[in-house]
PDB file of all heavy atoms in Angstrom:
ATOM      1  N   ILE A   1     -12.571   8.121   6.742  1.00  0.00           N
ATOM      2  CA  ILE A   1     -11.519   7.832   5.873  1.00  0.00           C
ATOM      3  C   ILE A   1     -11.048   9.110   5.157  1.00  0.00           C
ATOM      4  O   ILE A   1      -9.840   9.449   5.044  1.00  0.00           O
ATOM      5  CB  ILE A   1     -11.937   6.784   4.823  1.00  0.00           C
ATOM      6  CG1 ILE A   1     -12.093   5.466   5.526  1.00  0.00           C
ATOM      7  CG2 ILE A   1     -10.979   6.710   3.686  1.00  0.00           C
ATOM      8  CD1 ILE A   1     -12.705   4.402   4.572  1.00  0.00           C
ATOM      9  N   GLU A   2     -12.000  10.016   4.791  1.00  0.00           N
ATOM     10  CA  GLU A   2     -11.737  11.288   4.202  1.00  0.00           C
ATOM     11  C   GLU A   2     -10.848  12.171   5.129  1.00  0.00           C
ATOM     12  O   GLU A   2      -9.824  12.748   4.678  1.00  0.00           O
ATOM     13  CB  GLU A   2     -12.975  12.000   3.844  1.00  0.00           C
ATOM     14  CG  GLU A   2     -12.823  13.152   2.924  1.00  0.00           C
ATOM     15  CD  GLU A   2     -14.124  13.717   2.512  1.00  0.00           C
ATOM     16  OE1 GLU A   2     -14.735  14.472   3.260  1.00  0.00           O
ATOM     17  OE2 GLU A   2     -14.580  13.472   1.358  1.00  0.00           O
ATOM     18  N   ARG A   3     -11.198  12.195   6.440  1.00  0.00           N
ATOM     19  CA  ARG A   3     -10.446  13.002   7.396  1.00  0.00           C
ATOM     20  C   ARG A   3      -9.036  12.391   7.596  1.00  0.00           C
ATOM     21  O   ARG A   3      -8.036  13.139   7.657  1.00  0.00           O
ATOM     22  CB  ARG A   3     -11.137  13.044   8.753  1.00  0.00           C
ATOM     23  CG  ARG A   3     -12.432  13.842   8.855  1.00  0.00           C
ATOM     24  CD  ARG A   3     -12.816  14.060  10.245  1.00  0.00           C
ATOM     25  NE  ARG A   3     -12.931  12.854  10.996  1.00  0.00           N
ATOM     26  CZ  ARG A   3     -14.006  12.089  11.107  1.00  0.00           C
ATOM     27  NH1 ARG A   3     -15.101  12.423  10.438  1.00  0.00           N
ATOM     28  NH2 ARG A   3     -13.969  10.985  11.957  1.00  0.00           N
ATOM     29  N   HIS A   4      -8.963  11.160   7.713  1.00  0.00           N
ATOM     30  CA  HIS A   4      -7.677  10.451   7.958  1.00  0.00           C
ATOM     31  C   HIS A   4      -6.772  10.516   6.679  1.00  0.00           C
ATOM     32  O   HIS A   4      -5.555  10.743   6.874  1.00  0.00           O
ATOM     33  CB  HIS A   4      -7.912   8.965   8.359  1.00  0.00           C
ATOM     34  CG  HIS A   4      -8.545   8.790   9.688  1.00  0.00           C
ATOM     35  ND1 HIS A   4      -8.883   7.573  10.189  1.00  0.00           N
ATOM     36  CD2 HIS A   4      -8.868   9.784  10.595  1.00  0.00           C
ATOM     37  CE1 HIS A   4      -9.396   7.814  11.373  1.00  0.00           C
ATOM     38  NE2 HIS A   4      -9.425   9.037  11.646  1.00  0.00           N
ATOM     39  N   LEU A   5      -7.344  10.564   5.498  1.00  0.00           N
ATOM     40  CA  LEU A   5      -6.540  10.692   4.324  1.00  0.00           C
ATOM     41  C   LEU A   5      -5.969  12.159   4.340  1.00  0.00           C
ATOM     42  O   LEU A   5      -4.810  12.314   3.933  1.00  0.00           O
ATOM     43  CB  LEU A   5      -7.393  10.497   3.004  1.00  0.00           C
ATOM     44  CG  LEU A   5      -7.544   9.003   2.656  1.00  0.00           C
ATOM     45  CD1 LEU A   5      -8.614   8.958   1.521  1.00  0.00           C
ATOM     46  CD2 LEU A   5      -6.301   8.361   2.279  1.00  0.00           C
ATOM     47  N   GLY A   6      -6.692  13.097   4.670  1.00  0.00           N
ATOM     48  CA  GLY A   6      -6.229  14.482   4.762  1.00  0.00           C
ATOM     49  C   GLY A   6      -5.123  14.710   5.732  1.00  0.00           C
ATOM     50  O   GLY A   6      -4.164  15.403   5.582  1.00  0.00           O
ATOM     51  N   ASP A   7      -5.263  14.009   6.933  1.00  0.00           N
ATOM     52  CA  ASP A   7      -4.368  14.057   8.008  1.00  0.00           C
ATOM     53  C   ASP A   7      -3.020  13.313   7.719  1.00  0.00           C
ATOM     54  O   ASP A   7      -1.942  13.626   8.224  1.00  0.00           O
ATOM     55  CB  ASP A   7      -4.975  13.496   9.231  1.00  0.00           C
ATOM     56  CG  ASP A   7      -4.250  13.753  10.486  1.00  0.00           C
ATOM     57  OD1 ASP A   7      -3.620  14.887  10.573  1.00  0.00           O
ATOM     58  OD2 ASP A   7      -4.209  12.975  11.374  1.00  0.00           O
ATOM     59  N   ALA A   8      -3.139  12.297   6.810  1.00  0.00           N
ATOM     60  CA  ALA A   8      -1.992  11.354   6.577  1.00  0.00           C
ATOM     61  C   ALA A   8      -0.849  12.051   5.824  1.00  0.00           C
ATOM     62  O   ALA A   8       0.319  11.616   5.903  1.00  0.00           O
ATOM     63  CB  ALA A   8      -2.412  10.120   5.899  1.00  0.00           C
ATOM     64  N   ARG A   9      -1.146  13.022   4.927  1.00  0.00           N
ATOM     65  CA  ARG A   9      -0.212  13.677   4.153  1.00  0.00           C
ATOM     66  C   ARG A   9       0.496  12.736   3.192  1.00  0.00           C
ATOM     67  O   ARG A   9       1.718  12.858   2.918  1.00  0.00           O
ATOM     68  CB  ARG A   9       0.868  14.440   4.922  1.00  0.00           C
ATOM     69  CG  ARG A   9       0.341  15.551   5.840  1.00  0.00           C
ATOM     70  CD  ARG A   9      -0.388  16.672   4.990  1.00  0.00           C
ATOM     71  NE  ARG A   9      -0.647  17.860   5.772  1.00  0.00           N
ATOM     72  CZ  ARG A   9      -1.848  18.051   6.383  1.00  0.00           C
ATOM     73  NH1 ARG A   9      -2.852  17.130   6.207  1.00  0.00           N
ATOM     74  NH2 ARG A   9      -2.053  19.138   7.013  1.00  0.00           N
ATOM     75  N   LEU A  10      -0.190  11.760   2.550  1.00  0.00           N
ATOM     76  CA  LEU A  10       0.308  10.870   1.668  1.00  0.00           C
ATOM     77  C   LEU A  10       0.629  11.539   0.345  1.00  0.00           C
ATOM     78  O   LEU A  10      -0.198  12.454  -0.069  1.00  0.00           O
ATOM     79  CB  LEU A  10      -0.583   9.685   1.484  1.00  0.00           C
ATOM     80  CG  LEU A  10      -0.839   8.751   2.607  1.00  0.00           C
ATOM     81  CD1 LEU A  10      -2.007   7.780   2.217  1.00  0.00           C
ATOM     82  CD2 LEU A  10       0.368   7.917   2.931  1.00  0.00           C
ATOM     83  N   PRO A  11       1.709  11.222  -0.352  1.00  0.00           N
ATOM     84  CA  PRO A  11       1.924  11.794  -1.744  1.00  0.00           C
ATOM     85  C   PRO A  11       0.880  11.280  -2.567  1.00  0.00           C
ATOM     86  O   PRO A  11       0.471  10.142  -2.547  1.00  0.00           O
ATOM     87  CB  PRO A  11       3.334  11.279  -2.060  1.00  0.00           C
ATOM     88  CG  PRO A  11       3.536  10.127  -1.212  1.00  0.00           C
ATOM     89  CD  PRO A  11       2.855  10.389   0.095  1.00  0.00           C
ATOM     90  N   PRO A  12       0.295  12.136  -3.493  1.00  0.00           N
ATOM     91  CA  PRO A  12      -0.812  11.713  -4.283  1.00  0.00           C
ATOM     92  C   PRO A  12      -0.428  10.791  -5.382  1.00  0.00           C
ATOM     93  O   PRO A  12       0.706  10.681  -5.883  1.00  0.00           O
ATOM     94  CB  PRO A  12      -1.235  13.110  -4.920  1.00  0.00           C
ATOM     95  CG  PRO A  12      -0.052  13.984  -4.902  1.00  0.00           C
ATOM     96  CD  PRO A  12       0.779  13.543  -3.676  1.00  0.00           C
ATOM     97  N   GLY A  13      -1.430   9.887  -5.768  1.00  0.00           N
ATOM     98  CA  GLY A  13      -1.281   9.040  -6.869  1.00  0.00           C
ATOM     99  C   GLY A  13      -0.477   7.759  -6.636  1.00  0.00           C
ATOM    100  O   GLY A  13      -0.255   7.070  -7.574  1.00  0.00           O
ATOM    101  N   LYS A  14      -0.111   7.492  -5.446  1.00  0.00           N
ATOM    102  CA  LYS A  14       0.704   6.344  -5.075  1.00  0.00           C
ATOM    103  C   LYS A  14      -0.181   5.238  -4.486  1.00  0.00           C
ATOM    104  O   LYS A  14      -0.585   5.204  -3.345  1.00  0.00           O
ATOM    105  CB  LYS A  14       1.768   6.656  -4.040  1.00  0.00           C
ATOM    106  CG  LYS A  14       2.690   7.844  -4.438  1.00  0.00           C
ATOM    107  CD  LYS A  14       3.424   7.641  -5.691  1.00  0.00           C
ATOM    108  CE  LYS A  14       4.263   8.859  -6.031  1.00  0.00           C
ATOM    109  NZ  LYS A  14       5.025   8.724  -7.358  1.00  0.00           N
ATOM    110  N   THR A  15      -0.619   4.358  -5.431  1.00  0.00           N
ATOM    111  CA  THR A  15      -1.526   3.234  -5.023  1.00  0.00           C
ATOM    112  C   THR A  15      -0.816   1.837  -5.416  1.00  0.00           C
ATOM    113  O   THR A  15       0.168   1.849  -6.139  1.00  0.00           O
ATOM    114  CB  THR A  15      -2.807   3.275  -5.831  1.00  0.00           C
ATOM    115  OG1 THR A  15      -2.588   3.108  -7.201  1.00  0.00           O
ATOM    116  CG2 THR A  15      -3.482   4.740  -5.625  1.00  0.00           C
ATOM    117  N   LEU A  16      -1.343   0.812  -4.919  1.00  0.00           N
ATOM    118  CA  LEU A  16      -0.859  -0.530  -5.216  1.00  0.00           C
ATOM    119  C   LEU A  16      -1.081  -0.876  -6.680  1.00  0.00           C
ATOM    120  O   LEU A  16      -0.361  -1.495  -7.289  1.00  0.00           O
ATOM    121  CB  LEU A  16      -1.506  -1.630  -4.331  1.00  0.00           C
ATOM    122  CG  LEU A  16      -1.079  -1.579  -2.818  1.00  0.00           C
ATOM    123  CD1 LEU A  16      -1.780  -2.670  -2.097  1.00  0.00           C
ATOM    124  CD2 LEU A  16       0.424  -1.758  -2.769  1.00  0.00           C
ATOM    125  N   ASP A  17      -2.270  -0.368  -7.228  1.00  0.00           N
ATOM    126  CA  ASP A  17      -2.607  -0.644  -8.627  1.00  0.00           C
ATOM    127  C   ASP A  17      -1.500   0.043  -9.568  1.00  0.00           C
ATOM    128  O   ASP A  17      -1.203  -0.467 -10.586  1.00  0.00           O
ATOM    129  CB  ASP A  17      -3.954  -0.077  -8.957  1.00  0.00           C
ATOM    130  CG  ASP A  17      -5.039  -1.025  -8.407  1.00  0.00           C
ATOM    131  OD1 ASP A  17      -4.736  -2.228  -8.084  1.00  0.00           O
ATOM    132  OD2 ASP A  17      -6.157  -0.574  -8.169  1.00  0.00           O
ATOM    133  N   SER A  18      -0.881   1.185  -9.121  1.00  0.00           N
ATOM    134  CA  SER A  18      -0.039   1.916 -10.006  1.00  0.00           C
ATOM    135  C   SER A  18       1.394   1.484  -9.735  1.00  0.00           C
ATOM    136  O   SER A  18       2.376   1.964 -10.347  1.00  0.00           O
ATOM    137  CB  SER A  18      -0.177   3.339  -9.918  1.00  0.00           C
ATOM    138  OG  SER A  18       0.089   3.820  -8.509  1.00  0.00           O
ATOM    139  N   PHE A  19       1.676   0.572  -8.750  1.00  0.00           N
ATOM    140  CA  PHE A  19       2.973   0.168  -8.469  1.00  0.00           C
ATOM    141  C   PHE A  19       3.426  -0.914  -9.341  1.00  0.00           C
ATOM    142  O   PHE A  19       2.686  -1.929  -9.546  1.00  0.00           O
ATOM    143  CB  PHE A  19       3.031  -0.318  -6.936  1.00  0.00           C
ATOM    144  CG  PHE A  19       4.500  -0.666  -6.480  1.00  0.00           C
ATOM    145  CD1 PHE A  19       5.475   0.266  -6.223  1.00  0.00           C
ATOM    146  CD2 PHE A  19       4.848  -2.019  -6.345  1.00  0.00           C
ATOM    147  CE1 PHE A  19       6.720  -0.122  -5.789  1.00  0.00           C
ATOM    148  CE2 PHE A  19       6.074  -2.467  -5.992  1.00  0.00           C
ATOM    149  CZ  PHE A  19       7.024  -1.454  -5.765  1.00  0.00           C
ATOM    150  N   ALA A  20       4.680  -0.806  -9.890  1.00  0.00           N
ATOM    151  CA  ALA A  20       5.158  -1.843 -10.889  1.00  0.00           C
ATOM    152  C   ALA A  20       5.774  -3.038 -10.176  1.00  0.00           C
ATOM    153  O   ALA A  20       6.964  -3.153  -9.980  1.00  0.00           O
ATOM    154  CB  ALA A  20       6.175  -1.160 -11.795  1.00  0.00           C
ATOM    155  N   PHE A  21       4.902  -3.964  -9.760  1.00  0.00           N
ATOM    156  CA  PHE A  21       5.397  -5.150  -9.060  1.00  0.00           C
ATOM    157  C   PHE A  21       6.305  -5.975  -9.940  1.00  0.00           C
ATOM    158  O   PHE A  21       7.314  -6.575  -9.513  1.00  0.00           O
ATOM    159  CB  PHE A  21       4.227  -6.095  -8.604  1.00  0.00           C
ATOM    160  CG  PHE A  21       3.566  -5.488  -7.301  1.00  0.00           C
ATOM    161  CD1 PHE A  21       2.474  -4.703  -7.390  1.00  0.00           C
ATOM    162  CD2 PHE A  21       4.087  -5.921  -6.051  1.00  0.00           C
ATOM    163  CE1 PHE A  21       1.789  -4.255  -6.147  1.00  0.00           C
ATOM    164  CE2 PHE A  21       3.543  -5.419  -4.912  1.00  0.00           C
ATOM    165  CZ  PHE A  21       2.448  -4.624  -5.016  1.00  0.00           C
ATOM    166  N   ASP A  22       6.029  -5.960 -11.245  1.00  0.00           N
ATOM    167  CA  ASP A  22       6.884  -6.744 -12.180  1.00  0.00           C
ATOM    168  C   ASP A  22       8.328  -6.204 -12.291  1.00  0.00           C
ATOM    169  O   ASP A  22       9.236  -6.923 -12.616  1.00  0.00           O
ATOM    170  CB  ASP A  22       6.277  -6.748 -13.573  1.00  0.00           C
ATOM    171  CG  ASP A  22       5.998  -5.376 -14.171  1.00  0.00           C
ATOM    172  OD1 ASP A  22       6.015  -4.390 -13.310  1.00  0.00           O
ATOM    173  OD2 ASP A  22       5.886  -5.217 -15.354  1.00  0.00           O
ATOM    174  N   ALA A  23       8.521  -4.899 -11.922  1.00  0.00           N
ATOM    175  CA  ALA A  23       9.892  -4.314 -11.908  1.00  0.00           C
ATOM    176  C   ALA A  23      10.644  -4.580 -10.619  1.00  0.00           C
ATOM    177  O   ALA A  23      11.816  -4.356 -10.520  1.00  0.00           O
ATOM    178  CB  ALA A  23       9.814  -2.869 -12.162  1.00  0.00           C
ATOM    179  N   VAL A  24       9.963  -5.078  -9.652  1.00  0.00           N
ATOM    180  CA  VAL A  24      10.510  -5.404  -8.330  1.00  0.00           C
ATOM    181  C   VAL A  24      10.165  -6.890  -7.936  1.00  0.00           C
ATOM    182  O   VAL A  24       9.359  -7.098  -7.100  1.00  0.00           O
ATOM    183  CB  VAL A  24      10.026  -4.485  -7.243  1.00  0.00           C
ATOM    184  CG1 VAL A  24      10.844  -4.566  -6.008  1.00  0.00           C
ATOM    185  CG2 VAL A  24      10.006  -2.960  -7.699  1.00  0.00           C
ATOM    186  N   PRO A  25      10.764  -7.834  -8.699  1.00  0.00           N
ATOM    187  CA  PRO A  25      10.315  -9.207  -8.553  1.00  0.00           C
ATOM    188  C   PRO A  25      10.552  -9.819  -7.129  1.00  0.00           C
ATOM    189  O   PRO A  25       9.930 -10.818  -6.838  1.00  0.00           O
ATOM    190  CB  PRO A  25      11.235  -9.888  -9.590  1.00  0.00           C
ATOM    191  CG  PRO A  25      12.381  -9.022  -9.801  1.00  0.00           C
ATOM    192  CD  PRO A  25      11.881  -7.630  -9.632  1.00  0.00           C
ATOM    193  N   MET A  26      11.386  -9.172  -6.348  1.00  0.00           N
ATOM    194  CA  MET A  26      11.678  -9.733  -4.978  1.00  0.00           C
ATOM    195  C   MET A  26      10.441  -9.358  -3.943  1.00  0.00           C
ATOM    196  O   MET A  26      10.415  -9.785  -2.903  1.00  0.00           O
ATOM    197  CB  MET A  26      12.949  -9.296  -4.408  1.00  0.00           C
ATOM    198  CG  MET A  26      13.051  -7.682  -4.197  1.00  0.00           C
ATOM    199  SD  MET A  26      13.243  -6.685  -5.729  1.00  0.00           S
ATOM    200  CE  MET A  26      14.778  -7.363  -6.272  1.00  0.00           C
ATOM    201  N   ILE A  27       9.555  -8.493  -4.479  1.00  0.00           N
ATOM    202  CA  ILE A  27       8.418  -8.127  -3.645  1.00  0.00           C
ATOM    203  C   ILE A  27       7.121  -8.875  -4.061  1.00  0.00           C
ATOM    204  O   ILE A  27       6.776  -8.864  -5.229  1.00  0.00           O
ATOM    205  CB  ILE A  27       8.173  -6.616  -3.789  1.00  0.00           C
ATOM    206  CG1 ILE A  27       9.370  -5.807  -3.302  1.00  0.00           C
ATOM    207  CG2 ILE A  27       6.958  -6.239  -2.910  1.00  0.00           C
ATOM    208  CD1 ILE A  27       9.738  -6.043  -1.875  1.00  0.00           C
ATOM    209  N   SER A  28       6.549  -9.610  -3.110  1.00  0.00           N
ATOM    210  CA  SER A  28       5.349 -10.406  -3.369  1.00  0.00           C
ATOM    211  C   SER A  28       4.150  -9.523  -3.286  1.00  0.00           C
ATOM    212  O   SER A  28       3.884  -8.929  -2.178  1.00  0.00           O
ATOM    213  CB  SER A  28       5.255 -11.599  -2.498  1.00  0.00           C
ATOM    214  OG  SER A  28       4.013 -12.169  -2.394  1.00  0.00           O
ATOM    215  N   ARG A  29       3.259  -9.384  -4.290  1.00  0.00           N
ATOM    216  CA  ARG A  29       2.074  -8.745  -4.276  1.00  0.00           C
ATOM    217  C   ARG A  29       1.183  -9.277  -3.222  1.00  0.00           C
ATOM    218  O   ARG A  29       0.517  -8.572  -2.454  1.00  0.00           O
ATOM    219  CB  ARG A  29       1.433  -8.656  -5.613  1.00  0.00           C
ATOM    220  CG  ARG A  29       0.197  -7.714  -5.691  1.00  0.00           C
ATOM    221  CD  ARG A  29      -0.530  -7.774  -7.030  1.00  0.00           C
ATOM    222  NE  ARG A  29      -1.500  -6.647  -7.021  1.00  0.00           N
ATOM    223  CZ  ARG A  29      -1.463  -5.639  -7.794  1.00  0.00           C
ATOM    224  NH1 ARG A  29      -0.450  -5.527  -8.738  1.00  0.00           N
ATOM    225  NH2 ARG A  29      -2.374  -4.707  -7.788  1.00  0.00           N
ATOM    226  N   ALA A  30       1.091 -10.662  -3.078  1.00  0.00           N
ATOM    227  CA  ALA A  30       0.299 -11.263  -2.132  1.00  0.00           C
ATOM    228  C   ALA A  30       0.707 -10.919  -0.748  1.00  0.00           C
ATOM    229  O   ALA A  30      -0.209 -10.643   0.136  1.00  0.00           O
ATOM    230  CB  ALA A  30       0.287 -12.749  -2.288  1.00  0.00           C
ATOM    231  N   GLN A  31       2.019 -10.815  -0.467  1.00  0.00           N
ATOM    232  CA  GLN A  31       2.481 -10.502   0.899  1.00  0.00           C
ATOM    233  C   GLN A  31       2.103  -9.038   1.181  1.00  0.00           C
ATOM    234  O   GLN A  31       1.697  -8.678   2.386  1.00  0.00           O
ATOM    235  CB  GLN A  31       3.913 -10.669   1.026  1.00  0.00           C
ATOM    236  CG  GLN A  31       4.468 -10.413   2.392  1.00  0.00           C
ATOM    237  CD  GLN A  31       5.965 -10.676   2.570  1.00  0.00           C
ATOM    238  OE1 GLN A  31       6.717 -10.871   1.488  1.00  0.00           O
ATOM    239  NE2 GLN A  31       6.512 -10.682   3.728  1.00  0.00           N
ATOM    240  N   VAL A  32       2.306  -8.115   0.248  1.00  0.00           N
ATOM    241  CA  VAL A  32       2.037  -6.714   0.432  1.00  0.00           C
ATOM    242  C   VAL A  32       0.504  -6.557   0.657  1.00  0.00           C
ATOM    243  O   VAL A  32       0.072  -5.790   1.607  1.00  0.00           O
ATOM    244  CB  VAL A  32       2.467  -5.890  -0.707  1.00  0.00           C
ATOM    245  CG1 VAL A  32       1.908  -4.449  -0.707  1.00  0.00           C
ATOM    246  CG2 VAL A  32       3.980  -5.848  -0.827  1.00  0.00           C
ATOM    247  N   THR A  33      -0.296  -7.267  -0.104  1.00  0.00           N
ATOM    248  CA  THR A  33      -1.749  -7.170   0.142  1.00  0.00           C
ATOM    249  C   THR A  33      -2.145  -7.631   1.510  1.00  0.00           C
ATOM    250  O   THR A  33      -2.993  -6.960   2.116  1.00  0.00           O
ATOM    251  CB  THR A  33      -2.498  -8.037  -0.972  1.00  0.00           C
ATOM    252  OG1 THR A  33      -2.067  -7.475  -2.236  1.00  0.00           O
ATOM    253  CG2 THR A  33      -3.917  -7.868  -0.764  1.00  0.00           C
ATOM    254  N   ALA A  34      -1.485  -8.646   1.980  1.00  0.00           N
ATOM    255  CA  ALA A  34      -1.846  -9.202   3.389  1.00  0.00           C
ATOM    256  C   ALA A  34      -1.435  -8.137   4.330  1.00  0.00           C
ATOM    257  O   ALA A  34      -2.147  -7.842   5.375  1.00  0.00           O
ATOM    258  CB  ALA A  34      -1.146 -10.456   3.597  1.00  0.00           C
ATOM    259  N   LEU A  35      -0.350  -7.450   4.172  1.00  0.00           N
ATOM    260  CA  LEU A  35       0.115  -6.409   5.111  1.00  0.00           C
ATOM    261  C   LEU A  35      -0.870  -5.266   5.123  1.00  0.00           C
ATOM    262  O   LEU A  35      -1.043  -4.554   6.147  1.00  0.00           O
ATOM    263  CB  LEU A  35       1.534  -5.883   4.761  1.00  0.00           C
ATOM    264  CG  LEU A  35       2.664  -6.832   5.001  1.00  0.00           C
ATOM    265  CD1 LEU A  35       3.964  -6.291   4.374  1.00  0.00           C
ATOM    266  CD2 LEU A  35       2.921  -6.978   6.504  1.00  0.00           C
ATOM    267  N   CYS A  36      -1.465  -4.977   3.968  1.00  0.00           N
ATOM    268  CA  CYS A  36      -2.365  -3.833   3.930  1.00  0.00           C
ATOM    269  C   CYS A  36      -3.656  -4.028   4.747  1.00  0.00           C
ATOM    270  O   CYS A  36      -4.411  -3.047   4.969  1.00  0.00           O
ATOM    271  CB  CYS A  36      -2.754  -3.610   2.463  1.00  0.00           C
ATOM    272  SG  CYS A  36      -1.475  -2.879   1.495  1.00  0.00           S
ATOM    273  N   SER A  37      -3.889  -5.241   5.200  1.00  0.00           N
ATOM    274  CA  SER A  37      -5.102  -5.356   6.075  1.00  0.00           C
ATOM    275  C   SER A  37      -4.763  -4.770   7.486  1.00  0.00           C
ATOM    276  O   SER A  37      -5.656  -4.379   8.223  1.00  0.00           O
ATOM    277  CB  SER A  37      -5.515  -6.822   6.204  1.00  0.00           C
ATOM    278  OG  SER A  37      -4.480  -7.572   7.002  1.00  0.00           O
ATOM    279  N   GLY A  38      -3.471  -4.827   7.813  1.00  0.00           N
ATOM    280  CA  GLY A  38      -3.055  -4.231   9.090  1.00  0.00           C
ATOM    281  C   GLY A  38      -3.175  -5.331  10.235  1.00  0.00           C
ATOM    282  O   GLY A  38      -2.500  -5.177  11.343  1.00  0.00           O
ATOM    283  N   ASP A  39      -3.888  -6.398  10.026  1.00  0.00           N
ATOM    284  CA  ASP A  39      -4.127  -7.371  11.055  1.00  0.00           C
ATOM    285  C   ASP A  39      -2.919  -8.185  11.358  1.00  0.00           C
ATOM    286  O   ASP A  39      -2.121  -8.534  10.441  1.00  0.00           O
ATOM    287  CB  ASP A  39      -5.257  -8.357  10.619  1.00  0.00           C
ATOM    288  CG  ASP A  39      -6.593  -7.650  10.379  1.00  0.00           C
ATOM    289  OD1 ASP A  39      -6.789  -6.607  11.054  1.00  0.00           O
ATOM    290  OD2 ASP A  39      -7.412  -8.153   9.568  1.00  0.00           O
ATOM    291  N   GLY A  40      -2.615  -8.353  12.630  1.00  0.00           N
ATOM    292  CA  GLY A  40      -1.441  -9.249  13.004  1.00  0.00           C
ATOM    293  C   GLY A  40      -0.121  -8.583  13.165  1.00  0.00           C
ATOM    294  O   GLY A  40       0.744  -9.093  13.631  1.00  0.00           O
ATOM    295  N   TRP A  41      -0.076  -7.271  12.678  1.00  0.00           N
ATOM    296  CA  TRP A  41       1.233  -6.641  12.943  1.00  0.00           C
ATOM    297  C   TRP A  41       1.016  -5.209  13.521  1.00  0.00           C
ATOM    298  O   TRP A  41       1.834  -4.855  14.407  1.00  0.00           O
ATOM    299  CB  TRP A  41       2.020  -6.541  11.645  1.00  0.00           C
ATOM    300  CG  TRP A  41       1.576  -5.737  10.531  1.00  0.00           C
ATOM    301  CD1 TRP A  41       0.520  -6.010   9.690  1.00  0.00           C
ATOM    302  CD2 TRP A  41       2.034  -4.520  10.024  1.00  0.00           C
ATOM    303  NE1 TRP A  41       0.338  -5.069   8.706  1.00  0.00           N
ATOM    304  CE2 TRP A  41       1.324  -4.090   8.870  1.00  0.00           C
ATOM    305  CE3 TRP A  41       3.209  -3.736  10.421  1.00  0.00           C
ATOM    306  CZ2 TRP A  41       1.590  -2.940   8.128  1.00  0.00           C
ATOM    307  CZ3 TRP A  41       3.431  -2.578   9.674  1.00  0.00           C
ATOM    308  CH2 TRP A  41       2.612  -2.106   8.530  1.00  0.00           C
ATOM    309  N   LEU A  42       0.008  -4.436  13.033  1.00  0.00           N
ATOM    310  CA  LEU A  42      -0.220  -3.126  13.642  1.00  0.00           C
ATOM    311  C   LEU A  42      -0.600  -3.117  15.156  1.00  0.00           C
ATOM    312  O   LEU A  42      -0.245  -2.355  15.914  1.00  0.00           O
ATOM    313  CB  LEU A  42      -1.228  -2.321  12.864  1.00  0.00           C
ATOM    314  CG  LEU A  42      -0.743  -1.878  11.419  1.00  0.00           C
ATOM    315  CD1 LEU A  42      -1.880  -1.071  10.832  1.00  0.00           C
ATOM    316  CD2 LEU A  42       0.498  -1.141  11.530  1.00  0.00           C
TER     317      LEU A  42
END
């Protein structure tokens, strides 16, 4: 995971916990969480 994080070049500090779901009411936290497993679509 450490290697893959370094390789991914993600902008720092961007996590689901810090995302303001209440400011984007059309986005379901449950749906996003399900997508984060990767199963069924990747």
